[in-house]
Amino acid sequence: MASFPSRVNEKEIVRSRTIGELLAPAAPFDKKCGRENWTVAFAPDGSYFAWSQGHRAVKLVPWSQCLKNFLLHGTKNITNSSSLRLSRQNSDGGQKNKPREHIIDCGDIVWSLAFGSSVPEKQSRCVNIEWHRFRFGQDQLLLATGLNNGRIKIWDVYTGKLLLNLVDHTEVVRDLTFAPDGSLILVSASRDKTLRVWDLKDDGNMMKVLRGHQNWVYSCAFSPDSSMLCSVGASKAVFLWNMDKYTMIRKLEGHHHDVVACDFSPDGALLATASYDTRVYIWDPHTGDILMEFGHLFPPPTPIFAGGANDRWVRSVSFSHDGLHVASLADDKMVRFWRIDEDYPVQVAPLSNGLCCAFSTDGSVLAAGTHDGSVYFWATPRQVPSLQHLCRMSIRRVMPTQEVQELPIPSKVLEFLSYRV
């Protein structure tokens, strides 16, 4: 396992270029809680960007138009309330499928967001599929919002129409994730210590409750092939679940504090987890081994100090779509970009009061949300992946570590395919 220090020669660190800012409108109550931007999300097809503006509102903007505005008008863009506001019951079918900027009033503080799109040939897992309220087409784009009151609301992104209201959690819905296979299977993570699995093609039927966490569940993420789920939470918890059988595969042990974010690499061979213990770990989810450690405090803190108020809580982590870069956001007012084969951040950016981050669909931009409901964007490190890395990703998409280790190939190639070099 490699331990990566956060303090390196300043000449080696490149400052990330700011692309733009979406600043939340000022309000008389802007100092009160409820304005935090807990979550940002890009649509799978890159058509929309969404974030929780605070105070019940979710803002959706056409992503391509947002980028054009940054180029034409500079980086700053105040998101004023005069833009189209869609109420909880409003619907406009005439403009369907045409991306446009609007605001959705969710009725309560929004803690989590997730986009989902349907693949028609992916059938519901429900046995009785003769009649459903909704038949989602290939052009359907949904937005799931997790609320403070434990409810999950499902919206049609193009019209703003409320489609489903999922009621079963008893506490804050802290995170949401759709299965990447287009099945519209949704998993929710809650402070009620459970994960719940919903089938939106079966009108939002709750299929399963995943139990095992002893405290709050902070985050969850599907593997790219939808076969595995990672969930993380308080008390150092990192769990892996088999999503075909809905059983726990293993617990990953190594963190010293609450684990608050997780994300799989695009080939599913790596798993990144972020913790209040000042560290991001890169795991092999198939073996449970820690392959890399990205430290945000130098020298690395002792377990006792890491388990307390160390001023370097890592709030968020995200894997780039090139499979080479990881972004992390910490309480030391820094966003860091790491390469999976380097021992220090390759780029950094200043950010105060950051809470969440996510890469754009093409991986060229990182978006980060803050306590005041705003979003900031940076250009990500650009590097042409080597042919070896592209081949590695192609192999690892279909072959877990155990199968790779059985291949009759040289040990150096095995180490490379296993991300151990």
Protein backbone atom coordinates (compact mmCIF):
# COMPACT_ATOMS: atom_id res chain seq x y z
CA MET A 1 0.00 0.00 0.00
CA ALA A 2 1.34 3.42 -0.94
CA SER A 3 0.85 6.35 1.44
CA PHE A 4 0.55 9.64 -0.42
CA PRO A 5 1.47 12.82 1.52
CA SER A 6 -0.44 16.00 0.95
CA ARG A 7 2.53 18.35 1.37
CA VAL A 8 4.85 18.52 -1.63
CA ASN A 9 6.97 21.14 -3.32
CA GLU A 10 4.69 23.94 -4.51
CA LYS A 11 6.38 23.93 -7.92
CA GLU A 12 5.07 20.42 -8.51
CA ILE A 13 1.42 21.33 -7.98
CA VAL A 14 -0.60 22.88 -10.80
CA ARG A 15 -3.48 25.20 -9.96
CA SER A 16 -6.70 24.07 -11.67
CA ARG A 17 -8.28 26.54 -14.09
CA THR A 18 -11.67 27.88 -13.02
CA ILE A 19 -14.37 27.28 -15.62
CA GLY A 20 -17.27 29.03 -13.92
CA GLU A 21 -19.45 29.62 -10.89
CA LEU A 22 -23.17 29.35 -10.30
CA LEU A 23 -23.84 31.52 -7.27
CA ALA A 24 -27.02 31.08 -5.28
CA PRO A 25 -29.16 34.23 -4.94
CA ALA A 26 -28.75 36.10 -1.67
CA ALA A 27 -31.71 36.01 0.69
CA PRO A 28 -32.51 37.50 4.11
CA PHE A 29 -32.29 34.04 5.68
CA ASP A 30 -29.12 32.96 3.86
CA LYS A 31 -27.18 32.50 7.10
CA LYS A 32 -29.64 29.97 8.44
CA CYS A 33 -29.30 26.22 7.97
CA GLY A 34 -31.10 24.70 5.02
CA ARG A 35 -29.23 26.53 2.29
CA GLU A 36 -26.42 23.97 1.97
CA ASN A 37 -25.69 22.39 -1.40
CA TRP A 38 -25.38 18.78 -0.30
CA THR A 39 -25.35 17.28 -3.76
CA VAL A 40 -24.52 17.94 -7.42
CA ALA A 41 -25.24 15.64 -10.35
CA PHE A 42 -24.75 15.37 -14.11
CA ALA A 43 -27.24 13.53 -16.32
CA PRO A 44 -25.85 10.28 -17.81
CA ASP A 45 -26.10 11.69 -21.33
CA GLY A 46 -24.54 15.01 -20.32
CA SER A 47 -27.68 16.99 -21.14
CA TYR A 48 -28.37 18.44 -17.68
CA PHE A 49 -26.61 19.57 -14.54
CA ALA A 50 -28.55 19.69 -11.26
CA TRP A 51 -27.80 20.84 -7.73
CA SER A 52 -29.64 21.52 -4.51
CA GLN A 53 -29.78 25.29 -4.09
CA GLY A 54 -31.02 24.96 -0.54
CA HIS A 55 -34.43 25.72 0.95
CA ARG A 56 -36.30 22.98 -0.98
CA ALA A 57 -35.13 24.08 -4.44
CA VAL A 58 -33.34 22.00 -7.06
CA LYS A 59 -31.96 23.88 -10.05
CA LEU A 60 -31.61 22.16 -13.44
CA VAL A 61 -29.64 23.76 -16.26
CA PRO A 62 -28.81 22.44 -19.77
CA TRP A 63 -25.12 21.64 -19.36
CA SER A 64 -24.01 22.63 -22.87
CA GLN A 65 -25.75 25.99 -22.53
CA CYS A 66 -24.17 26.48 -19.10
CA LEU A 67 -20.70 26.02 -20.58
CA LYS A 68 -21.48 28.46 -23.40
CA ASN A 69 -22.62 31.06 -20.89
CA PHE A 70 -19.34 30.76 -18.99
CA LEU A 71 -17.40 31.35 -22.21
CA LEU A 72 -19.55 34.31 -23.28
CA HIS A 73 -20.13 36.07 -19.97
CA GLY A 74 -17.18 35.05 -17.82
CA THR A 75 -17.02 32.65 -14.95
CA LYS A 76 -19.65 34.13 -12.64
CA ASN A 77 -23.32 33.45 -13.15
CA ILE A 78 -25.91 34.45 -10.56
CA THR A 79 -28.81 32.00 -10.57
CA ASN A 80 -31.75 34.32 -10.07
CA SER A 81 -35.21 33.20 -9.13
CA SER A 82 -36.80 34.75 -12.23
CA SER A 83 -35.93 31.65 -14.25
CA LEU A 84 -38.75 29.23 -14.90
CA ARG A 85 -40.01 27.71 -11.65
CA LEU A 86 -41.94 24.46 -11.84
CA SER A 87 -44.19 23.71 -8.92
CA ARG A 88 -44.67 20.23 -7.49
CA GLN A 89 -47.74 19.66 -9.66
CA ASN A 90 -46.85 21.60 -12.81
CA SER A 91 -46.33 19.91 -16.15
CA ASP A 92 -45.68 21.18 -19.68
CA GLY A 93 -45.72 18.40 -22.24
CA GLY A 94 -45.24 20.72 -25.23
CA GLN A 95 -41.56 21.28 -24.47
CA LYS A 96 -40.76 17.67 -23.64
CA ASN A 97 -37.21 16.51 -24.46
CA LYS A 98 -36.00 20.06 -25.11
CA PRO A 99 -33.43 20.94 -22.42
CA ARG A 100 -34.32 24.13 -20.61
CA GLU A 101 -33.42 25.76 -17.35
CA HIS A 102 -35.87 25.46 -14.49
CA ILE A 103 -36.27 25.08 -10.74
CA ILE A 104 -38.17 22.32 -8.96
CA ASP A 105 -39.71 22.97 -5.56
CA CYS A 106 -39.30 19.68 -3.69
CA GLY A 107 -41.28 20.68 -0.60
CA ASP A 108 -38.46 20.01 1.89
CA ILE A 109 -34.69 20.36 2.26
CA VAL A 110 -32.94 18.30 -0.43
CA TRP A 111 -30.02 16.13 0.69
CA SER A 112 -29.46 13.94 -2.35
CA LEU A 113 -29.94 13.84 -6.12
CA ALA A 114 -29.58 11.20 -8.80
CA PHE A 115 -30.37 11.09 -12.52
CA GLY A 116 -31.77 7.91 -14.03
CA SER A 117 -32.47 6.91 -17.62
CA SER A 118 -34.32 3.88 -18.92
CA VAL A 119 -33.31 1.10 -21.28
CA PRO A 120 -36.60 -0.37 -22.60
CA GLU A 121 -35.33 -3.96 -22.88
CA LYS A 122 -34.42 -3.95 -19.18
CA GLN A 123 -37.58 -5.39 -17.67
CA SER A 124 -38.84 -4.88 -14.17
CA ARG A 125 -37.89 -7.56 -11.64
CA CYS A 126 -41.51 -7.65 -10.59
CA VAL A 127 -43.35 -10.88 -11.53
CA ASN A 128 -46.63 -9.13 -12.32
CA ILE A 129 -45.82 -6.68 -15.10
CA GLU A 130 -49.18 -6.66 -16.89
CA TRP A 131 -50.11 -3.15 -15.76
CA HIS A 132 -48.11 -0.17 -14.59
CA ARG A 133 -48.92 3.49 -14.08
CA PHE A 134 -45.77 4.49 -15.96
CA ARG A 135 -44.08 3.03 -18.99
CA PHE A 136 -40.70 4.65 -19.25
CA GLY A 137 -39.41 5.11 -22.79
CA GLN A 138 -35.83 5.28 -24.01
CA ASP A 139 -35.96 9.08 -24.07
CA GLN A 140 -37.08 9.27 -20.44
CA LEU A 141 -34.83 11.16 -18.02
CA LEU A 142 -35.71 11.04 -14.34
CA LEU A 143 -34.44 12.94 -11.32
CA ALA A 144 -34.68 11.40 -7.86
CA THR A 145 -34.52 13.77 -4.87
CA GLY A 146 -33.93 12.60 -1.29
CA LEU A 147 -35.50 14.82 1.32
CA ASN A 148 -35.08 15.80 4.94
CA ASN A 149 -38.38 14.14 5.92
CA GLY A 150 -37.31 10.72 4.60
CA ARG A 151 -39.29 10.91 1.36
CA ILE A 152 -37.94 10.35 -2.13
CA LYS A 153 -39.57 12.21 -5.01
CA ILE A 154 -39.16 11.16 -8.63
CA TRP A 155 -39.47 13.88 -11.30
CA ASP A 156 -39.65 14.00 -15.07
CA VAL A 157 -36.64 16.17 -15.87
CA TYR A 158 -38.06 17.61 -19.09
CA THR A 159 -41.43 18.69 -17.68
CA GLY A 160 -40.81 19.00 -13.94
CA LYS A 161 -43.82 16.75 -13.29
CA LEU A 162 -43.84 14.78 -10.06
CA LEU A 163 -44.15 11.10 -11.01
CA LEU A 164 -43.65 9.15 -7.79
CA ASN A 165 -43.48 9.83 -4.07
CA LEU A 166 -41.60 7.03 -2.29
CA VAL A 167 -42.37 6.87 1.41
CA ASP A 168 -40.65 4.39 3.72
CA HIS A 169 -37.50 5.91 5.25
CA THR A 170 -37.94 7.42 8.70
CA GLU A 171 -34.94 9.79 8.60
CA VAL A 172 -33.00 11.98 6.14
CA VAL A 173 -32.30 10.35 2.77
CA ARG A 174 -28.60 11.10 2.58
CA ASP A 175 -27.76 9.62 -0.82
CA LEU A 176 -29.33 8.10 -3.94
CA THR A 177 -27.90 6.07 -6.81
CA PHE A 178 -29.43 4.49 -9.91
CA ALA A 179 -28.16 1.22 -11.35
CA PRO A 180 -26.10 2.14 -14.44
CA ASP A 181 -27.67 -0.64 -16.54
CA GLY A 182 -30.84 1.34 -17.34
CA SER A 183 -33.09 -0.89 -15.21
CA LEU A 184 -34.27 2.11 -13.13
CA ILE A 185 -33.36 0.28 -9.93
CA LEU A 186 -32.80 2.99 -7.32
CA VAL A 187 -30.96 2.57 -4.01
CA SER A 188 -31.38 5.07 -1.17
CA ALA A 189 -29.13 5.54 1.87
CA SER A 190 -30.59 7.04 5.02
CA ARG A 191 -29.85 8.15 8.53
CA ASP A 192 -32.34 5.49 9.64
CA LYS A 193 -29.38 3.05 9.23
CA THR A 194 -30.85 1.27 6.19
CA LEU A 195 -30.52 1.11 2.43
CA ARG A 196 -33.66 0.54 0.42
CA VAL A 197 -33.93 -0.82 -3.12
CA TRP A 198 -36.73 0.56 -5.34
CA ASP A 199 -37.92 -0.60 -8.77
CA LEU A 200 -39.19 2.46 -10.64
CA LYS A 201 -40.34 0.30 -13.57
CA ASP A 202 -42.69 -1.32 -11.06
CA ASP A 203 -44.18 2.05 -10.10
CA GLY A 204 -41.60 2.58 -7.37
CA ASN A 205 -42.18 -0.69 -5.53
CA MET A 206 -39.69 -1.17 -2.68
CA MET A 207 -37.98 -4.48 -3.39
CA LYS A 208 -35.57 -4.90 -0.50
CA VAL A 209 -34.23 -3.37 2.70
CA LEU A 210 -30.47 -3.82 3.20
CA ARG A 211 -29.59 -3.91 6.88
CA GLY A 212 -26.17 -4.07 8.50
CA HIS A 213 -25.17 -0.51 9.31
CA GLN A 214 -25.25 0.26 13.03
CA ASN A 215 -25.30 4.04 12.48
CA TRP A 216 -26.10 6.63 9.80
CA VAL A 217 -25.54 5.61 6.17
CA TYR A 218 -23.89 8.51 4.36
CA SER A 219 -23.42 7.36 0.78
CA CYS A 220 -23.84 4.51 -1.70
CA ALA A 221 -22.59 3.73 -5.21
CA PHE A 222 -23.20 1.04 -7.81
CA SER A 223 -20.39 -0.71 -9.63
CA PRO A 224 -20.44 0.01 -13.39
CA ASP A 225 -21.97 -3.40 -14.20
CA SER A 226 -24.65 -2.90 -11.49
CA SER A 227 -23.74 -6.20 -9.81
CA MET A 228 -22.21 -4.68 -6.67
CA LEU A 229 -23.14 -1.84 -4.33
CA CYS A 230 -20.88 -0.02 -1.88
CA SER A 231 -22.39 1.70 1.14
CA VAL A 232 -20.47 3.80 3.67
CA GLY A 233 -21.42 5.34 6.98
CA ALA A 234 -20.63 6.36 10.52
CA SER A 235 -18.38 4.25 12.75
CA LYS A 236 -15.85 3.51 9.98
CA ALA A 237 -18.36 1.47 7.98
CA VAL A 238 -17.62 0.36 4.39
CA PHE A 239 -19.89 -2.46 3.15
CA LEU A 240 -20.08 -4.26 -0.20
CA TRP A 241 -23.35 -5.85 -1.33
CA ASN A 242 -24.26 -8.43 -3.99
CA MET A 243 -27.12 -6.76 -5.89
CA ASP A 244 -28.31 -9.98 -7.52
CA LYS A 245 -28.88 -11.74 -4.21
CA TYR A 246 -29.15 -8.63 -1.98
CA THR A 247 -26.62 -10.05 0.45
CA MET A 248 -23.53 -8.53 2.03
CA ILE A 249 -20.27 -9.60 0.39
CA ARG A 250 -17.80 -8.20 2.87
CA LYS A 251 -16.91 -5.34 5.20
CA LEU A 252 -13.82 -3.29 4.31
CA GLU A 253 -11.76 -2.30 7.34
CA GLY A 254 -9.10 0.40 7.49
CA HIS A 255 -10.65 3.81 8.13
CA HIS A 256 -10.46 5.45 11.59
CA HIS A 257 -13.51 7.73 11.43
CA ASP A 258 -16.89 8.10 9.72
CA VAL A 259 -16.78 7.25 6.00
CA VAL A 260 -18.88 9.73 4.06
CA ALA A 261 -18.43 9.15 0.32
CA CYS A 262 -17.62 6.38 -2.15
CA ASP A 263 -17.24 5.88 -5.89
CA PHE A 264 -16.21 3.06 -8.24
CA SER A 265 -13.72 3.43 -11.08
CA PRO A 266 -15.22 3.19 -14.60
CA ASP A 267 -14.01 -0.40 -15.01
CA GLY A 268 -15.20 -1.47 -11.55
CA ALA A 269 -11.72 -2.64 -10.54
CA LEU A 270 -11.20 0.10 -7.94
CA LEU A 271 -13.27 1.68 -5.19
CA ALA A 272 -12.55 5.08 -3.63
CA THR A 273 -13.79 5.95 -0.14
CA ALA A 274 -13.49 9.30 1.70
CA SER A 275 -13.44 9.65 5.46
CA TYR A 276 -13.26 12.20 8.23
CA ASP A 277 -9.97 10.49 9.17
CA THR A 278 -8.21 12.79 6.58
CA ARG A 279 -7.77 9.97 4.08
CA VAL A 280 -9.06 8.68 0.78
CA TYR A 281 -8.48 4.95 0.32
CA ILE A 282 -8.42 3.18 -3.02
CA TRP A 283 -9.54 -0.43 -2.57
CA ASP A 284 -9.71 -3.54 -4.67
CA PRO A 285 -13.40 -4.32 -4.05
CA HIS A 286 -12.94 -7.94 -5.16
CA THR A 287 -10.33 -8.74 -2.50
CA GLY A 288 -10.85 -6.04 0.13
CA ASP A 289 -7.20 -4.90 -0.12
CA ILE A 290 -6.21 -1.23 0.25
CA LEU A 291 -4.12 -0.40 -2.83
CA MET A 292 -3.49 3.32 -2.27
CA GLU A 293 -3.88 6.00 0.38
CA PHE A 294 -4.29 9.69 -0.44
CA GLY A 295 -3.51 11.68 2.70
CA HIS A 296 -4.82 15.20 3.34
CA LEU A 297 -2.69 15.87 6.43
CA PHE A 298 1.10 15.61 6.66
CA PRO A 299 2.50 13.86 8.57
CA PRO A 300 -0.33 11.29 8.64
CA PRO A 301 -2.28 11.55 11.92
CA THR A 302 -2.35 8.80 14.51
CA PRO A 303 -5.59 6.78 14.69
CA ILE A 304 -6.70 8.67 17.82
CA PHE A 305 -6.21 12.08 16.19
CA ALA A 306 -7.64 10.88 12.88
CA GLY A 307 -10.76 9.71 14.70
CA GLY A 308 -11.52 13.16 16.12
CA ALA A 309 -11.80 16.81 15.05
CA ASN A 310 -8.64 17.00 12.95
CA ASP A 311 -9.61 19.98 10.68
CA ARG A 312 -9.02 17.87 7.56
CA TRP A 313 -12.28 15.96 7.21
CA VAL A 314 -12.59 14.71 3.65
CA ARG A 315 -16.14 15.43 2.53
CA SER A 316 -16.37 13.97 -0.96
CA VAL A 317 -14.57 11.83 -3.52
CA SER A 318 -15.22 11.17 -7.20
CA PHE A 319 -13.59 8.97 -9.84
CA SER A 320 -12.95 10.51 -13.26
CA HIS A 321 -14.26 8.71 -16.31
CA ASP A 322 -10.74 8.20 -17.62
CA GLY A 323 -10.05 5.85 -14.71
CA LEU A 324 -6.80 7.68 -13.98
CA HIS A 325 -7.86 10.59 -11.79
CA VAL A 326 -9.66 10.98 -8.46
CA ALA A 327 -10.96 14.25 -7.02
CA SER A 328 -11.30 14.87 -3.29
CA LEU A 329 -12.73 17.76 -1.30
CA ALA A 330 -11.68 18.46 2.30
CA ASP A 331 -12.25 20.93 5.14
CA ASP A 332 -8.82 22.53 4.60
CA LYS A 333 -10.39 24.67 1.82
CA MET A 334 -8.82 22.66 -0.98
CA VAL A 335 -9.98 20.52 -3.88
CA ARG A 336 -7.35 18.01 -4.92
CA PHE A 337 -6.93 16.03 -8.14
CA TRP A 338 -4.93 12.82 -7.75
CA ARG A 339 -3.56 10.35 -10.27
CA ILE A 340 -3.90 6.73 -9.23
CA ASP A 341 -0.19 6.18 -9.93
CA GLU A 342 1.26 9.38 -8.42
CA ASP A 343 2.26 10.09 -4.81
CA TYR A 344 0.91 13.65 -4.62
CA PRO A 345 -1.97 15.77 -6.02
CA VAL A 346 -1.38 16.70 -9.64
CA GLN A 347 -3.72 19.73 -9.43
CA VAL A 348 -5.36 21.72 -6.66
CA ALA A 349 -8.01 24.42 -6.39
CA PRO A 350 -9.14 26.64 -3.50
CA LEU A 351 -12.66 26.14 -2.17
CA SER A 352 -14.14 27.27 1.13
CA ASN A 353 -16.94 25.34 2.82
CA GLY A 354 -17.13 22.63 0.17
CA LEU A 355 -19.53 19.73 0.68
CA CYS A 356 -19.70 17.62 -2.51
CA CYS A 357 -18.12 17.12 -5.91
CA ALA A 358 -18.74 15.24 -9.16
CA PHE A 359 -17.10 14.91 -12.56
CA SER A 360 -19.03 15.84 -15.70
CA THR A 361 -20.12 13.00 -17.97
CA ASP A 362 -17.10 13.42 -20.27
CA GLY A 363 -14.74 13.96 -17.32
CA SER A 364 -13.53 17.38 -18.50
CA VAL A 365 -15.06 19.42 -15.63
CA LEU A 366 -15.37 18.96 -11.88
CA ALA A 367 -18.34 20.56 -10.10
CA ALA A 368 -18.32 21.24 -6.35
CA GLY A 369 -21.13 22.43 -4.09
CA THR A 370 -20.76 24.59 -0.98
CA HIS A 371 -22.52 25.51 2.26
CA ASP A 372 -24.11 28.63 0.71
CA GLY A 373 -25.88 26.77 -2.12
CA SER A 374 -23.41 27.73 -4.87
CA VAL A 375 -21.49 25.58 -7.36
CA TYR A 376 -17.94 26.03 -8.66
CA PHE A 377 -16.43 24.41 -11.75
CA TRP A 378 -12.82 23.61 -12.69
CA ALA A 379 -11.09 22.13 -15.71
CA THR A 380 -9.80 18.67 -14.81
CA PRO A 381 -6.32 17.30 -15.53
CA ARG A 382 -6.14 16.32 -19.18
CA GLN A 383 -4.01 13.41 -20.23
CA VAL A 384 -4.27 10.98 -23.13
CA PRO A 385 -4.55 7.53 -21.53
CA SER A 386 -1.89 5.05 -22.59
CA LEU A 387 -2.83 2.08 -24.74
CA GLN A 388 -1.84 -0.15 -21.81
CA HIS A 389 -4.31 1.59 -19.50
CA LEU A 390 -7.13 1.40 -22.06
CA CYS A 391 -6.48 -2.32 -22.50
CA ARG A 392 -6.41 -2.75 -18.72
CA MET A 393 -9.78 -1.04 -18.35
CA SER A 394 -11.29 -3.17 -21.13
CA ILE A 395 -10.12 -6.36 -19.41
CA ARG A 396 -11.16 -5.29 -15.91
CA ARG A 397 -14.67 -4.37 -17.03
CA VAL A 398 -15.38 -8.08 -17.57
CA MET A 399 -12.85 -9.79 -15.31
CA PRO A 400 -12.62 -9.55 -11.49
CA THR A 401 -9.30 -9.73 -9.67
CA GLN A 402 -9.57 -13.43 -8.88
CA GLU A 403 -9.90 -14.30 -12.57
CA VAL A 404 -7.05 -11.95 -13.55
CA GLN A 405 -4.73 -13.63 -11.04
CA GLU A 406 -5.38 -17.01 -12.69
CA LEU A 407 -4.25 -15.82 -16.14
CA PRO A 408 -1.05 -17.51 -17.42
CA ILE A 409 0.82 -14.23 -17.94
CA PRO A 410 4.01 -12.68 -16.47
CA SER A 411 3.84 -11.40 -12.89
CA LYS A 412 4.55 -7.80 -13.94
CA VAL A 413 1.55 -7.86 -16.26
CA LEU A 414 -0.57 -9.36 -13.48
CA GLU A 415 0.47 -6.56 -11.13
CA PHE A 416 -0.40 -3.94 -13.75
CA LEU A 417 -3.81 -5.47 -14.49
CA SER A 418 -4.46 -5.62 -10.72
CA TYR A 419 -3.52 -1.92 -10.24
CA ARG A 420 -0.66 -2.94 -7.94
CA VAL A 421 2.08 -0.98 -9.70
